[in-house]
Amino acid sequence: MILASPDQRYALALEPENESYSKWWRISCTSDTESWYAEFGGNTPVEILAGFTDALLAPAPETAPDVWSIVTKAGWSYTQNERGHELAEHPDGILQLRRWDRKISWNTGFIACALLPDGLGGQETVWEAHLGNAPHLAAAFVTALVDPAPVARAEYDVPHSGLVTQKPGGRQGDYLAKEHTARLARSRATAVRSRRTALTTQPVPGSAPVAPVATGPRR
């Protein structure tokens, strides 16, 4: 599946593979003012991925948000080593957010991942998300990542189900259909607001700039 935004600025590709730990989702942006590339593993929770894609519908803020403050306010630890590499970890040690120093590493974007001990002294990756170099999109993803709200899953649809607490939630199909309808409504409303904002901020073709009006006491 390949999707493109109406202005051809964004492209989203979904290419499922046999291995769910590989990259399934790829999202890119190419324009005169912005260029980045993001990709997400097949096990990345869709509710968190949606935080990233939903943010594409709204214009980027004028001031880049502080991504690290989002996780530290949620109780994560944060460290920066002598080489400038930054790392934040959830208290349970499973979730991580990291970014390497731009002067040292070619990969300067944020990377979020879920890791588990492999029993051999190392770690195995449950899912990994490369968030690119757009701070406002990374912030949207991380905001969804630290959200403590539960998500709907079938009993055997959770990898490493021993790490989660599951409770009966009624008929999953009805719940997902309701959530999907609500998400579509929110997305359409956001897209409409963004288009209206863009139209009101664009100059009228052929119009001349308005000269400033002098103010002050009459003489």
Protein backbone atom coordinates (compact mmCIF):
# COMPACT_ATOMS: atom_id res chain seq x y z
CA MET A 1 0.00 0.00 0.00
CA ILE A 2 1.35 3.41 -0.99
CA LEU A 3 -0.27 6.70 -0.03
CA ALA A 4 0.66 10.24 -1.01
CA SER A 5 -0.54 13.54 0.40
CA PRO A 6 -2.56 15.80 -1.95
CA ASP A 7 0.41 18.15 -2.34
CA GLN A 8 2.78 15.19 -2.95
CA ARG A 9 4.86 16.32 0.00
CA TYR A 10 4.46 13.17 2.08
CA ALA A 11 4.57 9.54 1.02
CA LEU A 12 3.63 6.53 3.14
CA ALA A 13 4.37 2.93 2.18
CA LEU A 14 3.17 -0.19 3.99
CA GLU A 15 5.13 -3.27 2.92
CA PRO A 16 4.44 -6.18 5.29
CA GLU A 17 7.12 -8.86 5.38
CA ASN A 18 7.22 -12.37 6.78
CA GLU A 19 9.25 -11.17 9.75
CA SER A 20 7.25 -8.78 11.94
CA TYR A 21 10.43 -7.42 13.53
CA SER A 22 11.55 -5.91 10.21
CA LYS A 23 10.54 -2.47 8.92
CA TRP A 24 6.99 -2.47 7.57
CA TRP A 25 6.08 1.21 7.51
CA ARG A 26 8.10 3.86 5.67
CA ILE A 27 7.18 7.54 5.63
CA SER A 28 9.11 10.26 3.85
CA CYS A 29 8.92 13.98 3.16
CA THR A 30 10.56 15.80 0.28
CA SER A 31 10.03 19.49 -0.31
CA ASP A 32 11.97 22.70 -0.73
CA THR A 33 11.89 23.37 3.00
CA GLU A 34 11.76 19.92 4.59
CA SER A 35 13.34 16.53 3.99
CA TRP A 36 13.25 13.49 6.29
CA TYR A 37 12.69 9.75 6.30
CA ALA A 38 11.09 7.57 8.99
CA GLU A 39 10.47 3.83 9.27
CA PHE A 40 8.72 1.57 11.77
CA GLY A 41 8.91 -2.12 12.60
CA GLY A 42 5.88 -4.35 12.11
CA ASN A 43 5.36 -4.77 15.86
CA THR A 44 5.21 -1.02 16.51
CA PRO A 45 1.84 -0.44 18.23
CA VAL A 46 -0.45 1.24 15.72
CA GLU A 47 -1.81 3.62 18.37
CA ILE A 48 1.70 5.03 18.80
CA LEU A 49 2.41 5.11 15.08
CA ALA A 50 -0.86 7.02 14.66
CA GLY A 51 0.54 9.78 16.86
CA PHE A 52 3.19 10.32 14.18
CA THR A 53 0.91 10.13 11.14
CA ASP A 54 -1.83 12.29 12.70
CA ALA A 55 0.72 15.06 13.22
CA LEU A 56 1.30 15.15 9.45
CA LEU A 57 -2.17 16.69 9.04
CA ALA A 58 -1.32 19.77 11.09
CA PRO A 59 1.25 22.43 10.18
CA ALA A 60 4.58 22.25 11.96
CA PRO A 61 4.84 24.60 14.96
CA GLU A 62 7.05 27.65 14.65
CA THR A 63 9.10 26.53 17.64
CA ALA A 64 10.42 22.96 17.76
CA PRO A 65 9.10 21.10 20.84
CA ASP A 66 11.41 19.62 23.46
CA VAL A 67 11.03 15.88 22.92
CA TRP A 68 13.08 14.93 25.97
CA SER A 69 10.87 16.84 28.37
CA ILE A 70 7.91 14.68 27.29
CA VAL A 71 9.54 11.47 28.50
CA THR A 72 11.14 12.93 31.61
CA LYS A 73 7.77 14.31 32.75
CA ALA A 74 6.43 10.76 32.33
CA GLY A 75 9.05 9.45 34.76
CA TRP A 76 11.72 8.28 32.32
CA SER A 77 15.41 8.72 33.07
CA TYR A 78 17.60 10.83 30.80
CA THR A 79 21.37 10.76 30.28
CA GLN A 80 23.84 12.33 27.90
CA ASN A 81 27.35 10.88 27.72
CA GLU A 82 30.65 12.58 27.01
CA ARG A 83 30.25 11.97 23.26
CA GLY A 84 26.92 13.82 23.15
CA HIS A 85 24.74 10.74 22.71
CA GLU A 86 21.35 11.10 24.44
CA LEU A 87 19.30 8.27 25.95
CA ALA A 88 16.02 8.13 27.85
CA GLU A 89 14.68 4.91 29.41
CA HIS A 90 11.37 3.85 30.87
CA PRO A 91 11.62 2.76 34.52
CA ASP A 92 10.97 -0.88 33.54
CA GLY A 93 14.01 -0.82 31.23
CA ILE A 94 12.07 -2.07 28.21
CA LEU A 95 11.38 1.16 26.31
CA GLN A 96 14.13 3.47 25.10
CA LEU A 97 14.41 6.74 23.20
CA ARG A 98 17.82 7.74 21.90
CA ARG A 99 19.56 10.19 19.58
CA TRP A 100 23.21 10.19 18.66
CA ASP A 101 25.38 13.30 18.48
CA ARG A 102 24.94 15.03 15.13
CA LYS A 103 28.69 15.73 14.89
CA ILE A 104 29.59 12.05 15.19
CA SER A 105 26.79 9.95 13.71
CA TRP A 106 25.13 10.16 10.29
CA ASN A 107 21.85 9.00 11.88
CA THR A 108 20.86 12.10 13.82
CA GLY A 109 17.14 11.42 14.22
CA PHE A 110 15.29 10.03 17.22
CA ILE A 111 15.03 6.25 17.59
CA ALA A 112 12.44 4.61 19.84
CA CYS A 113 12.51 0.91 20.62
CA ALA A 114 11.26 -1.83 22.91
CA LEU A 115 13.96 -4.24 24.10
CA LEU A 116 13.93 -7.47 26.10
CA PRO A 117 16.73 -9.56 27.65
CA ASP A 118 17.57 -12.46 25.35
CA GLY A 119 18.78 -14.73 28.14
CA LEU A 120 22.37 -14.60 26.87
CA GLY A 121 23.38 -11.29 28.38
CA GLY A 122 22.15 -9.26 25.43
CA GLN A 123 18.87 -7.80 24.26
CA GLU A 124 16.36 -8.61 21.55
CA THR A 125 14.32 -5.96 19.79
CA VAL A 126 10.54 -6.25 20.01
CA TRP A 127 10.04 -3.21 17.76
CA GLU A 128 12.06 -0.21 16.61
CA ALA A 129 11.02 3.11 15.11
CA HIS A 130 13.31 5.58 13.34
CA LEU A 131 11.57 8.93 13.66
CA GLY A 132 13.60 11.05 11.26
CA ASN A 133 14.65 14.65 11.81
CA ALA A 134 11.32 16.39 12.34
CA PRO A 135 11.12 17.22 16.09
CA HIS A 136 7.38 17.99 16.07
CA LEU A 137 6.61 14.56 14.58
CA ALA A 138 8.95 12.84 17.01
CA ALA A 139 7.20 14.71 19.83
CA ALA A 140 3.80 13.49 18.61
CA PHE A 141 5.06 9.90 18.48
CA VAL A 142 6.63 10.12 21.93
CA THR A 143 3.48 11.70 23.40
CA ALA A 144 1.54 8.65 22.22
CA LEU A 145 4.32 6.38 23.48
CA VAL A 146 4.08 7.60 27.08
CA ASP A 147 0.27 7.65 27.10
CA PRO A 148 -0.81 5.18 29.83
CA ALA A 149 -4.24 4.54 28.27
CA PRO A 150 -4.86 0.83 27.54
CA VAL A 151 -5.22 -0.45 23.97
CA ALA A 152 -7.48 -3.13 22.49
CA ARG A 153 -5.85 -6.43 21.57
CA ALA A 154 -7.02 -9.98 21.10
CA GLU A 155 -5.72 -12.43 23.69
CA TYR A 156 -3.00 -13.91 21.48
CA ASP A 157 -2.13 -10.82 19.44
CA VAL A 158 0.42 -9.44 21.91
CA PRO A 159 4.08 -10.44 21.51
CA HIS A 160 5.55 -11.39 24.89
CA SER A 161 2.10 -11.36 26.47
CA GLY A 162 3.58 -12.05 29.90
CA LEU A 163 4.70 -8.42 30.06
CA VAL A 164 1.21 -6.96 29.93
CA THR A 165 -1.95 -7.09 31.99
CA GLN A 166 -5.05 -7.91 30.01
CA LYS A 167 -8.63 -7.33 31.06
CA PRO A 168 -11.87 -8.21 29.27
CA GLY A 169 -13.01 -5.25 27.22
CA GLY A 170 -16.18 -6.40 25.51
CA ARG A 171 -16.44 -7.14 21.82
CA GLN A 172 -13.21 -6.05 20.20
CA GLY A 173 -14.74 -5.61 16.74
CA ASP A 174 -17.34 -3.13 17.98
CA TYR A 175 -14.71 -1.21 19.95
CA LEU A 176 -12.29 -0.99 17.02
CA ALA A 177 -15.03 0.11 14.62
CA LYS A 178 -16.06 2.88 17.01
CA GLU A 179 -12.47 4.02 17.50
CA HIS A 180 -11.81 3.96 13.77
CA THR A 181 -14.85 6.11 13.05
CA ALA A 182 -13.81 8.60 15.73
CA ARG A 183 -10.25 8.77 14.37
CA LEU A 184 -11.49 9.47 10.85
CA ALA A 185 -13.68 12.29 12.15
CA ARG A 186 -10.77 13.84 14.09
CA SER A 187 -8.40 13.49 11.12
CA ARG A 188 -10.84 15.11 8.71
CA ALA A 189 -11.47 17.98 11.11
CA THR A 190 -7.73 18.54 11.52
CA ALA A 191 -7.18 18.48 7.76
CA VAL A 192 -9.97 21.00 7.20
CA ARG A 193 -8.56 23.36 9.83
CA SER A 194 -5.09 23.11 8.30
CA ARG A 195 -6.38 23.91 4.80
CA ARG A 196 -8.34 26.89 6.09
CA THR A 197 -5.29 28.19 7.94
CA ALA A 198 -3.15 27.82 4.83
CA LEU A 199 -5.68 29.67 2.69
CA THR A 200 -6.04 32.58 5.10
CA THR A 201 -2.28 33.06 5.37
CA GLN A 202 -1.60 33.05 1.62
CA PRO A 203 -1.45 36.43 -0.15
CA VAL A 204 -4.10 37.17 -2.76
CA PRO A 205 -2.59 36.91 -6.27
CA GLY A 206 -1.98 40.33 -7.80
CA SER A 207 -2.51 42.22 -4.57
CA ALA A 208 -0.02 44.84 -3.51
CA PRO A 209 1.32 44.98 0.01
CA VAL A 210 -0.49 47.40 2.27
CA ALA A 211 1.60 50.42 3.23
CA PRO A 212 1.97 51.03 6.95
CA VAL A 213 -0.23 53.75 8.39
CA ALA A 214 1.57 56.49 10.30
CA THR A 215 0.22 57.18 13.76
CA GLY A 216 0.92 59.91 16.26
CA PRO A 217 -0.33 63.30 17.46
CA ARG A 218 -1.56 65.77 14.86
CA ARG A 219 0.46 68.95 14.39
